[in-house]
N, C-alpha and C. Protein backbone atom coordinates (compact mmCIF):
# COMPACT_ATOMS: atom_id res chain seq x y z
N UNK A 1 5.49 15.88 -0.17
CA UNK A 1 5.15 14.46 -0.59
C UNK A 1 4.46 14.53 -1.88
N UNK A 2 4.80 13.51 -2.62
CA UNK A 2 4.22 13.41 -3.99
C UNK A 2 3.58 12.13 -4.16
N UNK A 3 2.25 12.24 -4.35
CA UNK A 3 1.27 11.09 -4.60
C UNK A 3 1.79 10.53 -6.03
N UNK A 4 2.19 9.19 -5.95
CA UNK A 4 2.40 8.65 -7.22
C UNK A 4 1.21 8.36 -8.15
N UNK A 5 1.36 8.35 -9.48
CA UNK A 5 0.40 7.93 -10.37
C UNK A 5 -0.16 6.54 -9.96
N UNK A 6 -1.43 6.57 -9.82
CA UNK A 6 -1.89 5.27 -9.47
C UNK A 6 -2.27 5.22 -7.89
N UNK A 7 -2.06 6.26 -7.26
CA UNK A 7 -2.48 6.44 -5.92
C UNK A 7 -3.53 7.64 -5.77
N UNK A 8 -4.45 7.45 -5.24
CA UNK A 8 -5.50 8.47 -5.07
C UNK A 8 -4.97 9.09 -3.61
N UNK A 9 -5.50 10.32 -3.39
CA UNK A 9 -5.21 10.83 -2.10
C UNK A 9 -5.93 10.03 -0.89
N UNK A 10 -6.88 9.42 -1.12
CA UNK A 10 -7.57 8.52 -0.18
C UNK A 10 -6.73 7.41 0.02
N UNK A 11 -6.11 6.73 -1.06
CA UNK A 11 -5.28 5.68 -0.94
C UNK A 11 -4.09 5.96 -0.13
N UNK A 12 -3.57 7.10 -0.41
CA UNK A 12 -2.26 7.49 0.14
C UNK A 12 -2.60 7.74 1.66
N UNK A 13 -3.66 8.31 2.07
CA UNK A 13 -4.13 8.62 3.38
C UNK A 13 -4.10 7.21 4.15
N UNK A 14 -4.74 6.24 3.51
CA UNK A 14 -5.03 5.01 4.17
C UNK A 14 -3.69 4.28 4.36
N UNK A 15 -2.69 4.42 3.52
CA UNK A 15 -1.40 3.85 3.54
C UNK A 15 -0.71 4.57 4.64
N UNK A 16 -0.84 5.93 4.90
CA UNK A 16 -0.19 6.43 5.77
C UNK A 16 -0.60 6.00 7.28
N UNK A 17 -1.95 5.83 7.38
CA UNK A 17 -2.63 5.30 8.65
C UNK A 17 -2.24 3.81 8.82
N UNK A 18 -2.27 3.12 7.78
CA UNK A 18 -1.85 1.59 7.88
C UNK A 18 -0.31 1.54 8.27
N UNK A 19 0.48 2.36 7.84
CA UNK A 19 1.81 2.26 8.39
C UNK A 19 2.01 2.52 9.84
N UNK A 20 1.20 3.48 10.35
CA UNK A 20 1.19 3.82 11.83
C UNK A 20 0.60 2.61 12.41
N UNK A 21 -0.57 2.18 12.01
CA UNK A 21 -1.19 1.15 12.85
C UNK A 21 -0.35 -0.29 12.65
N UNK A 22 0.10 -0.74 11.65
CA UNK A 22 0.80 -1.93 11.55
C UNK A 22 2.32 -1.98 11.45
N UNK A 23 2.89 -0.80 11.32
CA UNK A 23 4.31 -0.86 11.28
C UNK A 23 4.92 -0.85 9.88
N UNK A 24 5.91 -0.09 9.62
CA UNK A 24 6.52 -0.01 8.26
C UNK A 24 6.95 -1.30 7.74
N UNK A 25 6.70 -1.66 6.50
CA UNK A 25 7.24 -2.87 6.09
C UNK A 25 6.38 -4.08 6.32
N UNK A 26 5.31 -4.05 6.88
CA UNK A 26 4.35 -5.06 7.36
C UNK A 26 3.36 -5.14 6.16
N UNK A 27 3.79 -5.39 4.90
CA UNK A 27 2.97 -5.33 3.73
C UNK A 27 1.91 -6.30 3.94
N UNK A 28 2.26 -7.55 4.37
CA UNK A 28 1.26 -8.82 4.32
C UNK A 28 0.04 -8.39 5.21
N UNK A 29 0.36 -7.81 6.42
CA UNK A 29 -0.61 -7.53 7.40
C UNK A 29 -1.52 -6.41 6.85
N UNK A 30 -0.96 -5.45 6.17
CA UNK A 30 -1.64 -4.40 5.47
C UNK A 30 -2.64 -4.81 4.48
N UNK A 31 -2.04 -5.81 3.58
CA UNK A 31 -2.88 -6.53 2.56
C UNK A 31 -4.02 -7.12 3.21
N UNK A 32 -3.62 -7.94 4.20
CA UNK A 32 -4.75 -8.98 4.83
C UNK A 32 -5.78 -7.99 5.61
N UNK A 33 -5.48 -6.84 5.84
CA UNK A 33 -6.60 -5.86 6.53
C UNK A 33 -7.61 -5.51 5.55
N UNK A 34 -7.23 -5.65 4.23
CA UNK A 34 -8.32 -5.25 3.10
C UNK A 34 -8.47 -3.70 3.08
N UNK A 35 -7.48 -2.96 3.64
CA UNK A 35 -7.72 -1.62 3.44
C UNK A 35 -7.20 -0.85 2.27
N UNK A 36 -6.52 -1.69 1.43
CA UNK A 36 -5.97 -1.19 0.08
C UNK A 36 -6.02 -2.17 -0.97
N UNK A 37 -7.21 -2.36 -1.34
CA UNK A 37 -7.41 -3.52 -2.42
C UNK A 37 -6.90 -3.04 -3.65
N UNK A 38 -6.32 -3.89 -4.36
CA UNK A 38 -5.66 -3.59 -5.73
C UNK A 38 -4.21 -3.26 -5.56
N UNK A 39 -3.65 -3.03 -4.45
CA UNK A 39 -2.30 -2.69 -4.24
C UNK A 39 -1.52 -3.89 -3.86
N UNK A 40 -0.16 -3.78 -4.25
CA UNK A 40 0.66 -4.88 -3.84
C UNK A 40 1.92 -4.31 -2.97
N UNK A 41 2.70 -5.21 -2.36
CA UNK A 41 3.76 -4.86 -1.49
C UNK A 41 4.79 -3.80 -2.17
N UNK A 42 5.06 -4.03 -3.44
CA UNK A 42 6.10 -3.25 -4.16
C UNK A 42 5.42 -1.93 -4.41
N UNK A 43 4.21 -1.74 -4.61
CA UNK A 43 3.53 -0.34 -4.74
C UNK A 43 3.58 0.18 -3.46
N UNK A 44 3.32 -0.50 -2.38
CA UNK A 44 3.19 0.28 -0.85
C UNK A 44 4.72 0.57 -0.56
N UNK A 45 5.68 -0.27 -0.88
CA UNK A 45 7.13 0.17 -0.61
C UNK A 45 7.62 1.47 -1.19
N UNK A 46 7.24 1.45 -2.55
CA UNK A 46 7.55 2.66 -3.43
C UNK A 46 6.87 3.92 -2.72
N UNK A 47 5.58 3.87 -2.43
CA UNK A 47 4.76 4.90 -1.90
C UNK A 47 5.20 5.32 -0.56
N UNK A 48 5.52 4.36 0.21
CA UNK A 48 6.27 4.68 1.51
C UNK A 48 7.53 5.47 1.36
N UNK A 49 8.41 5.15 0.42
CA UNK A 49 9.59 5.92 0.22
C UNK A 49 9.27 7.36 -0.15
N UNK A 50 8.23 7.52 -0.91
CA UNK A 50 7.84 8.92 -1.32
C UNK A 50 7.32 9.68 -0.17
N UNK A 51 6.55 9.05 0.92
CA UNK A 51 5.95 9.77 1.84
C UNK A 51 7.11 10.10 2.84
N UNK A 52 8.15 9.08 3.09
CA UNK A 52 9.13 9.41 4.00
C UNK A 52 10.10 10.35 3.32
N UNK A 53 10.23 10.47 1.95
CA UNK A 53 11.10 11.34 1.39
C UNK A 53 12.51 10.81 1.34
N UNK A 54 12.63 9.46 1.31
CA UNK A 54 14.04 8.82 1.33
C UNK A 54 13.87 7.33 0.74
N UNK A 55 14.95 7.00 0.03
CA UNK A 55 15.06 5.78 -0.58
C UNK A 55 14.96 4.55 0.46
N UNK A 56 15.90 4.54 1.32
CA UNK A 56 16.00 3.49 2.30
C UNK A 56 14.99 3.60 3.37
N UNK A 57 14.10 2.44 3.62
CA UNK A 57 13.19 2.51 4.74
C UNK A 57 13.58 1.52 5.69
N UNK A 58 14.63 0.88 5.70
CA UNK A 58 15.03 -0.07 6.66
C UNK A 58 15.26 0.30 7.90
N UNK A 59 15.50 1.64 8.16
CA UNK A 59 15.85 2.18 9.47
C UNK A 59 14.43 2.40 10.24
N UNK A 60 13.39 2.08 9.61
CA UNK A 60 11.94 2.29 10.11
C UNK A 60 11.22 0.99 10.13
N UNK A 61 11.79 0.03 9.54
CA UNK A 61 11.07 -1.34 9.60
C UNK A 61 10.41 -1.90 10.84
N UNK A 62 9.10 -2.09 10.90
CA UNK A 62 8.42 -2.55 11.94
C UNK A 62 7.99 -1.48 12.86
N UNK A 63 8.54 -0.21 12.79
CA UNK A 63 8.19 0.83 13.72
C UNK A 63 6.81 1.43 13.18
N UNK A 64 6.01 2.04 14.20
CA UNK A 64 4.79 2.43 14.30
C UNK A 64 5.08 4.16 14.26
N UNK A 65 5.20 4.56 12.89
CA UNK A 65 5.70 5.92 12.92
C UNK A 65 4.73 6.90 12.02
N UNK A 66 4.92 8.08 12.30
CA UNK A 66 4.17 9.07 11.21
C UNK A 66 5.09 9.22 10.30
N UNK A 67 4.88 8.63 9.12
CA UNK A 67 5.82 8.82 7.95
C UNK A 67 5.74 10.21 7.38
N UNK A 68 4.50 10.89 7.53
CA UNK A 68 4.61 12.21 6.96
C UNK A 68 5.44 13.29 7.79
N UNK A 69 5.39 13.06 9.17
CA UNK A 69 6.23 13.89 9.92
C UNK A 69 7.72 13.65 9.47
N UNK A 70 8.19 12.53 9.34
CA UNK A 70 9.58 12.20 8.94
C UNK A 70 9.81 12.85 7.56
N UNK A 71 8.67 12.54 6.57
CA UNK A 71 8.84 13.03 5.32
C UNK A 71 9.02 14.62 5.31
N UNK A 72 8.43 15.49 6.16
CA UNK A 72 8.56 16.77 6.18
C UNK A 72 9.87 17.12 6.69
N UNK A 73 10.46 16.48 7.73
CA UNK A 73 11.90 16.68 8.21
C UNK A 73 12.86 16.28 7.01
N UNK A 74 12.66 15.41 6.30
CA UNK A 74 13.50 15.09 5.28
C UNK A 74 13.53 16.04 4.13
N UNK A 75 12.39 16.78 3.87
CA UNK A 75 12.20 17.54 2.74
C UNK A 75 12.91 18.77 3.17
N UNK A 76 12.93 19.13 4.19
CA UNK A 76 13.70 20.40 4.98
C UNK A 76 15.15 20.27 5.01
N UNK A 77 15.69 19.02 4.83
CA UNK A 77 17.11 18.86 4.94
C UNK A 77 17.80 19.44 3.77
N UNK A 78 18.93 20.13 4.13
CA UNK A 78 19.82 20.74 2.96
C UNK A 78 21.15 19.87 2.90
N UNK A 79 21.71 19.97 1.78
CA UNK A 79 23.03 19.40 1.62
C UNK A 79 22.99 17.83 1.73
N UNK A 80 22.00 17.23 1.28
CA UNK A 80 21.90 15.75 1.14
C UNK A 80 21.67 15.34 -0.41
N UNK A 81 22.24 14.26 -0.73
CA UNK A 81 22.16 13.85 -2.06
C UNK A 81 20.72 13.26 -2.36
N UNK A 82 20.09 13.80 -3.33
CA UNK A 82 18.45 13.37 -3.72
C UNK A 82 18.46 12.88 -5.19
N UNK A 83 17.48 12.09 -5.22
CA UNK A 83 17.21 11.59 -6.62
C UNK A 83 15.68 11.46 -6.75
N UNK A 84 15.12 12.08 -7.84
CA UNK A 84 13.60 12.18 -7.67
C UNK A 84 12.91 12.54 -6.41
N UNK A 85 13.52 13.53 -5.85
CA UNK A 85 13.09 14.30 -4.54
C UNK A 85 13.33 13.42 -3.32
N UNK A 86 13.98 12.14 -3.50
CA UNK A 86 14.18 11.27 -2.27
C UNK A 86 15.61 11.34 -1.97
N UNK A 87 15.82 11.29 -0.60
CA UNK A 87 17.09 11.25 -0.07
C UNK A 87 17.78 9.91 -0.40
N UNK A 88 18.97 10.00 -1.20
CA UNK A 88 19.60 8.61 -1.64
C UNK A 88 20.50 8.02 -0.51
N UNK A 89 20.77 6.89 -0.80
CA UNK A 89 21.58 6.09 0.16
C UNK A 89 22.98 6.63 -0.18
N UNK A 90 23.55 7.51 0.59
CA UNK A 90 24.88 7.96 0.55
C UNK A 90 25.73 7.21 1.42
N UNK A 91 26.90 6.70 0.95
CA UNK A 91 27.83 6.05 1.72
C UNK A 91 27.60 4.65 1.75
N UNK A 92 28.21 3.87 2.72
CA UNK A 92 28.29 2.47 2.66
C UNK A 92 26.85 1.98 3.20
N UNK A 93 26.58 0.70 3.18
CA UNK A 93 25.57 -0.04 3.72
C UNK A 93 25.81 -0.19 5.26
N UNK A 94 24.75 0.14 5.97
CA UNK A 94 24.75 0.02 7.51
C UNK A 94 24.95 -1.63 7.78
N UNK A 95 25.77 -1.82 8.91
CA UNK A 95 26.14 -3.31 9.32
C UNK A 95 24.81 -3.35 10.13
N UNK A 96 24.63 -4.85 10.43
CA UNK A 96 23.37 -5.29 11.37
C UNK A 96 23.29 -4.50 12.66
N UNK A 97 24.47 -4.35 13.27
CA UNK A 97 24.54 -3.59 14.63
C UNK A 97 24.09 -1.97 14.33
N UNK A 98 24.85 -1.56 13.31
CA UNK A 98 24.38 -0.03 13.10
C UNK A 98 22.92 0.22 12.73
N UNK A 99 22.27 -0.77 11.94
CA UNK A 99 20.93 -0.81 11.73
C UNK A 99 20.05 -0.85 12.89
N UNK A 100 20.44 -2.00 13.71
CA UNK A 100 19.80 -2.20 15.03
C UNK A 100 19.86 -0.75 15.91
N UNK A 101 20.96 -0.30 16.01
CA UNK A 101 21.11 1.12 16.61
C UNK A 101 20.17 2.25 16.16
N UNK A 102 20.13 2.34 14.79
CA UNK A 102 19.43 3.25 14.05
C UNK A 102 17.91 3.02 14.34
N UNK A 103 17.62 1.73 14.27
CA UNK A 103 16.20 1.45 14.55
C UNK A 103 15.74 1.82 16.05
N UNK A 104 16.60 1.69 16.76
CA UNK A 104 16.27 1.82 18.13
C UNK A 104 16.30 3.55 18.42
N UNK A 105 17.02 4.25 17.91
CA UNK A 105 17.07 5.53 17.91
C UNK A 105 15.75 6.11 17.31
N UNK A 106 15.43 5.64 16.18
CA UNK A 106 14.27 6.05 15.46
C UNK A 106 13.08 5.58 16.34
N UNK A 107 12.97 4.51 16.90
CA UNK A 107 11.85 4.13 17.73
C UNK A 107 11.62 5.10 18.84
N UNK A 108 12.68 5.50 19.47
CA UNK A 108 12.77 6.60 20.58
C UNK A 108 12.32 7.87 19.99
N UNK A 109 12.78 8.26 18.92
CA UNK A 109 12.42 9.58 18.30
C UNK A 109 11.09 9.72 17.68
N UNK A 110 10.67 8.78 16.98
CA UNK A 110 9.53 8.85 16.03
C UNK A 110 8.28 8.03 16.38
N UNK A 111 8.36 6.94 17.20
CA UNK A 111 7.22 6.11 17.14
C UNK A 111 6.19 6.69 17.92
N UNK A 112 4.96 6.49 17.15
CA UNK A 112 3.78 6.93 17.67
C UNK A 112 3.38 6.11 18.78
N UNK A 113 2.69 6.82 20.00
CA UNK A 113 2.40 6.01 21.20
C UNK A 113 1.37 5.00 20.75
N UNK A 114 1.48 3.77 21.46
CA UNK A 114 0.58 2.65 21.12
C UNK A 114 -0.81 3.00 21.17
N UNK A 115 -1.35 3.70 22.25
CA UNK A 115 -2.79 4.03 22.30
C UNK A 115 -3.26 4.79 20.88
N UNK A 116 -2.29 5.52 20.34
CA UNK A 116 -2.77 6.22 19.06
C UNK A 116 -2.85 5.23 17.92
N UNK A 117 -1.86 4.38 17.67
CA UNK A 117 -1.86 3.56 16.54
C UNK A 117 -2.89 2.33 16.72
N UNK A 118 -3.22 2.10 18.11
CA UNK A 118 -4.07 0.93 18.23
C UNK A 118 -5.53 1.52 17.86
N UNK A 119 -5.79 2.74 18.07
CA UNK A 119 -7.13 3.29 17.84
C UNK A 119 -7.46 3.73 16.48
N UNK A 120 -6.36 3.52 15.56
CA UNK A 120 -6.61 3.86 14.23
C UNK A 120 -7.67 3.01 13.62
N UNK A 121 -8.61 3.43 12.87
CA UNK A 121 -9.60 2.69 12.10
C UNK A 121 -9.39 3.01 10.59
N UNK A 122 -9.14 1.82 9.92
CA UNK A 122 -8.91 1.97 8.53
C UNK A 122 -10.19 1.62 7.86
N UNK A 123 -10.31 2.19 6.64
CA UNK A 123 -11.53 1.79 5.78
C UNK A 123 -11.38 0.21 5.41
N UNK A 124 -12.71 -0.28 5.03
CA UNK A 124 -12.86 -1.70 4.68
C UNK A 124 -13.56 -1.73 3.32
N UNK A 125 -12.75 -1.11 2.42
CA UNK A 125 -13.29 -1.23 1.02
C UNK A 125 -13.42 -2.56 0.33
N UNK A 126 -12.79 -3.47 1.09
CA UNK A 126 -12.88 -5.04 0.68
C UNK A 126 -14.29 -5.47 0.66
N UNK A 127 -15.14 -4.88 1.62
CA UNK A 127 -16.59 -5.18 1.68
C UNK A 127 -17.20 -4.89 0.30
N UNK A 128 -17.10 -3.67 -0.12
CA UNK A 128 -17.71 -3.10 -1.25
C UNK A 128 -17.11 -3.85 -2.49
N UNK A 129 -15.78 -4.21 -2.43
CA UNK A 129 -15.17 -5.11 -3.45
C UNK A 129 -15.87 -6.47 -3.55
N UNK A 130 -16.09 -7.00 -2.40
CA UNK A 130 -16.62 -8.29 -2.39
C UNK A 130 -18.15 -8.21 -3.20
N UNK A 131 -18.78 -7.26 -2.68
CA UNK A 131 -20.15 -7.03 -3.41
C UNK A 131 -19.99 -6.81 -4.86
N UNK A 132 -18.89 -6.13 -5.21
CA UNK A 132 -18.84 -5.85 -6.70
C UNK A 132 -18.34 -7.10 -7.46
N UNK A 133 -17.48 -7.93 -6.76
CA UNK A 133 -17.21 -9.17 -7.39
C UNK A 133 -18.40 -10.26 -7.40
N UNK A 134 -19.24 -10.20 -6.39
CA UNK A 134 -20.39 -10.95 -6.58
C UNK A 134 -21.40 -10.50 -7.53
N UNK A 135 -21.41 -9.19 -7.78
CA UNK A 135 -22.19 -8.81 -8.99
C UNK A 135 -21.80 -9.05 -10.25
N UNK A 136 -20.41 -8.97 -10.27
CA UNK A 136 -19.77 -9.46 -11.74
C UNK A 136 -19.89 -10.95 -11.87
N UNK A 137 -19.92 -11.69 -10.94
CA UNK A 137 -20.01 -13.17 -11.04
C UNK A 137 -21.52 -13.51 -11.57
N UNK A 138 -22.45 -12.69 -10.93
CA UNK A 138 -23.87 -12.95 -11.41
C UNK A 138 -24.00 -12.49 -12.82
N UNK A 139 -23.41 -11.28 -13.16
CA UNK A 139 -23.45 -10.95 -14.50
C UNK A 139 -22.81 -11.99 -15.45
N UNK A 140 -21.61 -12.50 -15.14
CA UNK A 140 -21.06 -13.37 -15.78
C UNK A 140 -21.81 -14.65 -16.22
N UNK A 141 -22.56 -15.20 -14.99
CA UNK A 141 -23.37 -16.29 -15.07
C UNK A 141 -24.54 -16.11 -16.05
N UNK A 142 -25.06 -15.00 -16.09
CA UNK A 142 -26.17 -14.48 -16.81
C UNK A 142 -25.64 -14.62 -18.37
N UNK A 143 -24.66 -13.97 -18.62
CA UNK A 143 -23.94 -13.92 -20.08
C UNK A 143 -23.61 -15.42 -20.43
N UNK A 144 -23.10 -16.16 -19.68
CA UNK A 144 -22.93 -17.52 -20.08
C UNK A 144 -24.14 -18.41 -20.38
N UNK A 145 -25.21 -18.11 -19.68
CA UNK A 145 -26.36 -18.72 -19.82
C UNK A 145 -26.95 -18.27 -21.33
N UNK A 146 -26.93 -16.84 -21.43
CA UNK A 146 -27.35 -16.33 -22.90
C UNK A 146 -26.53 -16.82 -23.96
N UNK A 147 -25.17 -16.89 -23.81
CA UNK A 147 -24.17 -17.44 -24.79
C UNK A 147 -24.67 -18.95 -25.06
N UNK A 148 -24.95 -19.79 -24.10
CA UNK A 148 -25.53 -21.13 -24.31
C UNK A 148 -26.57 -21.20 -24.94
N UNK A 149 -27.59 -20.28 -24.91
CA UNK A 149 -28.81 -20.33 -25.52
C UNK A 149 -28.61 -19.83 -27.03
N UNK A 150 -27.76 -18.96 -27.35
CA UNK A 150 -27.42 -18.47 -28.63
C UNK A 150 -26.77 -19.82 -29.41
N UNK A 151 -25.72 -20.37 -28.73
CA UNK A 151 -25.06 -21.53 -29.24
C UNK A 151 -26.16 -22.56 -29.80
N UNK A 152 -27.10 -22.78 -28.78
CA UNK A 152 -28.11 -23.81 -29.01
C UNK A 152 -29.06 -23.42 -30.33
N UNK A 153 -29.33 -22.14 -30.34
CA UNK A 153 -30.22 -21.76 -31.61
C UNK A 153 -29.36 -21.97 -32.84
N UNK A 154 -27.92 -21.65 -32.84
CA UNK A 154 -27.17 -21.82 -33.87
C UNK A 154 -27.17 -23.26 -34.38
N UNK A 155 -27.06 -24.17 -33.34
CA UNK A 155 -27.13 -25.62 -33.68
C UNK A 155 -28.39 -26.09 -34.37
N UNK A 156 -29.43 -25.49 -33.89
CA UNK A 156 -30.73 -25.81 -34.28
C UNK A 156 -30.87 -25.20 -35.75
N UNK A 157 -30.38 -24.12 -35.96
CA UNK A 157 -30.45 -23.53 -37.52
C UNK A 157 -29.59 -24.27 -38.27
N UNK A 158 -28.50 -24.81 -38.04
CA UNK A 158 -27.69 -25.56 -38.89
C UNK A 158 -28.33 -26.87 -39.23
N UNK A 159 -29.11 -27.43 -38.22
CA UNK A 159 -29.63 -28.63 -38.52
C UNK A 159 -30.81 -28.60 -39.45
N UNK A 160 -31.41 -27.31 -39.59
CA UNK A 160 -32.62 -27.23 -40.52
C UNK A 160 -32.08 -27.07 -41.95
N UNK A 161 -30.94 -26.69 -42.11
CA UNK A 161 -30.41 -26.54 -43.49
C UNK A 161 -30.09 -27.65 -44.18
């Protein structure tokens, strides 16, 4: 697994847990949980590809899986086409029926037991971010007040001339 630039090991760990807890592709739910502040769906998608070790993640969409375990299996595969260490989409696109079959197979093979993913606790850095935002707003208000005072002094000095 390679952590992408811009992802700390802690953030990658949180994404791994969030994918198990909420399911692959449920980016909005992950965002709403507040566990990965500053990340967007595209960043999470790309990092999920890296964890899984493959370009296409559609065969896991909605599944509560251990992406690291699948990534280890994918890294061990030989005689597969790879680009940037990811297994590439070789061949034609799967039909809806084939994709549904693949999802069912992957659910049976890889889905983590509900008791496990329901028990996952994710960090809540959004609380500390809210505190940081509040502090920054307070600093901004103080600076705006100071700026208004300086502007008033400038006006007064210009009137004296």
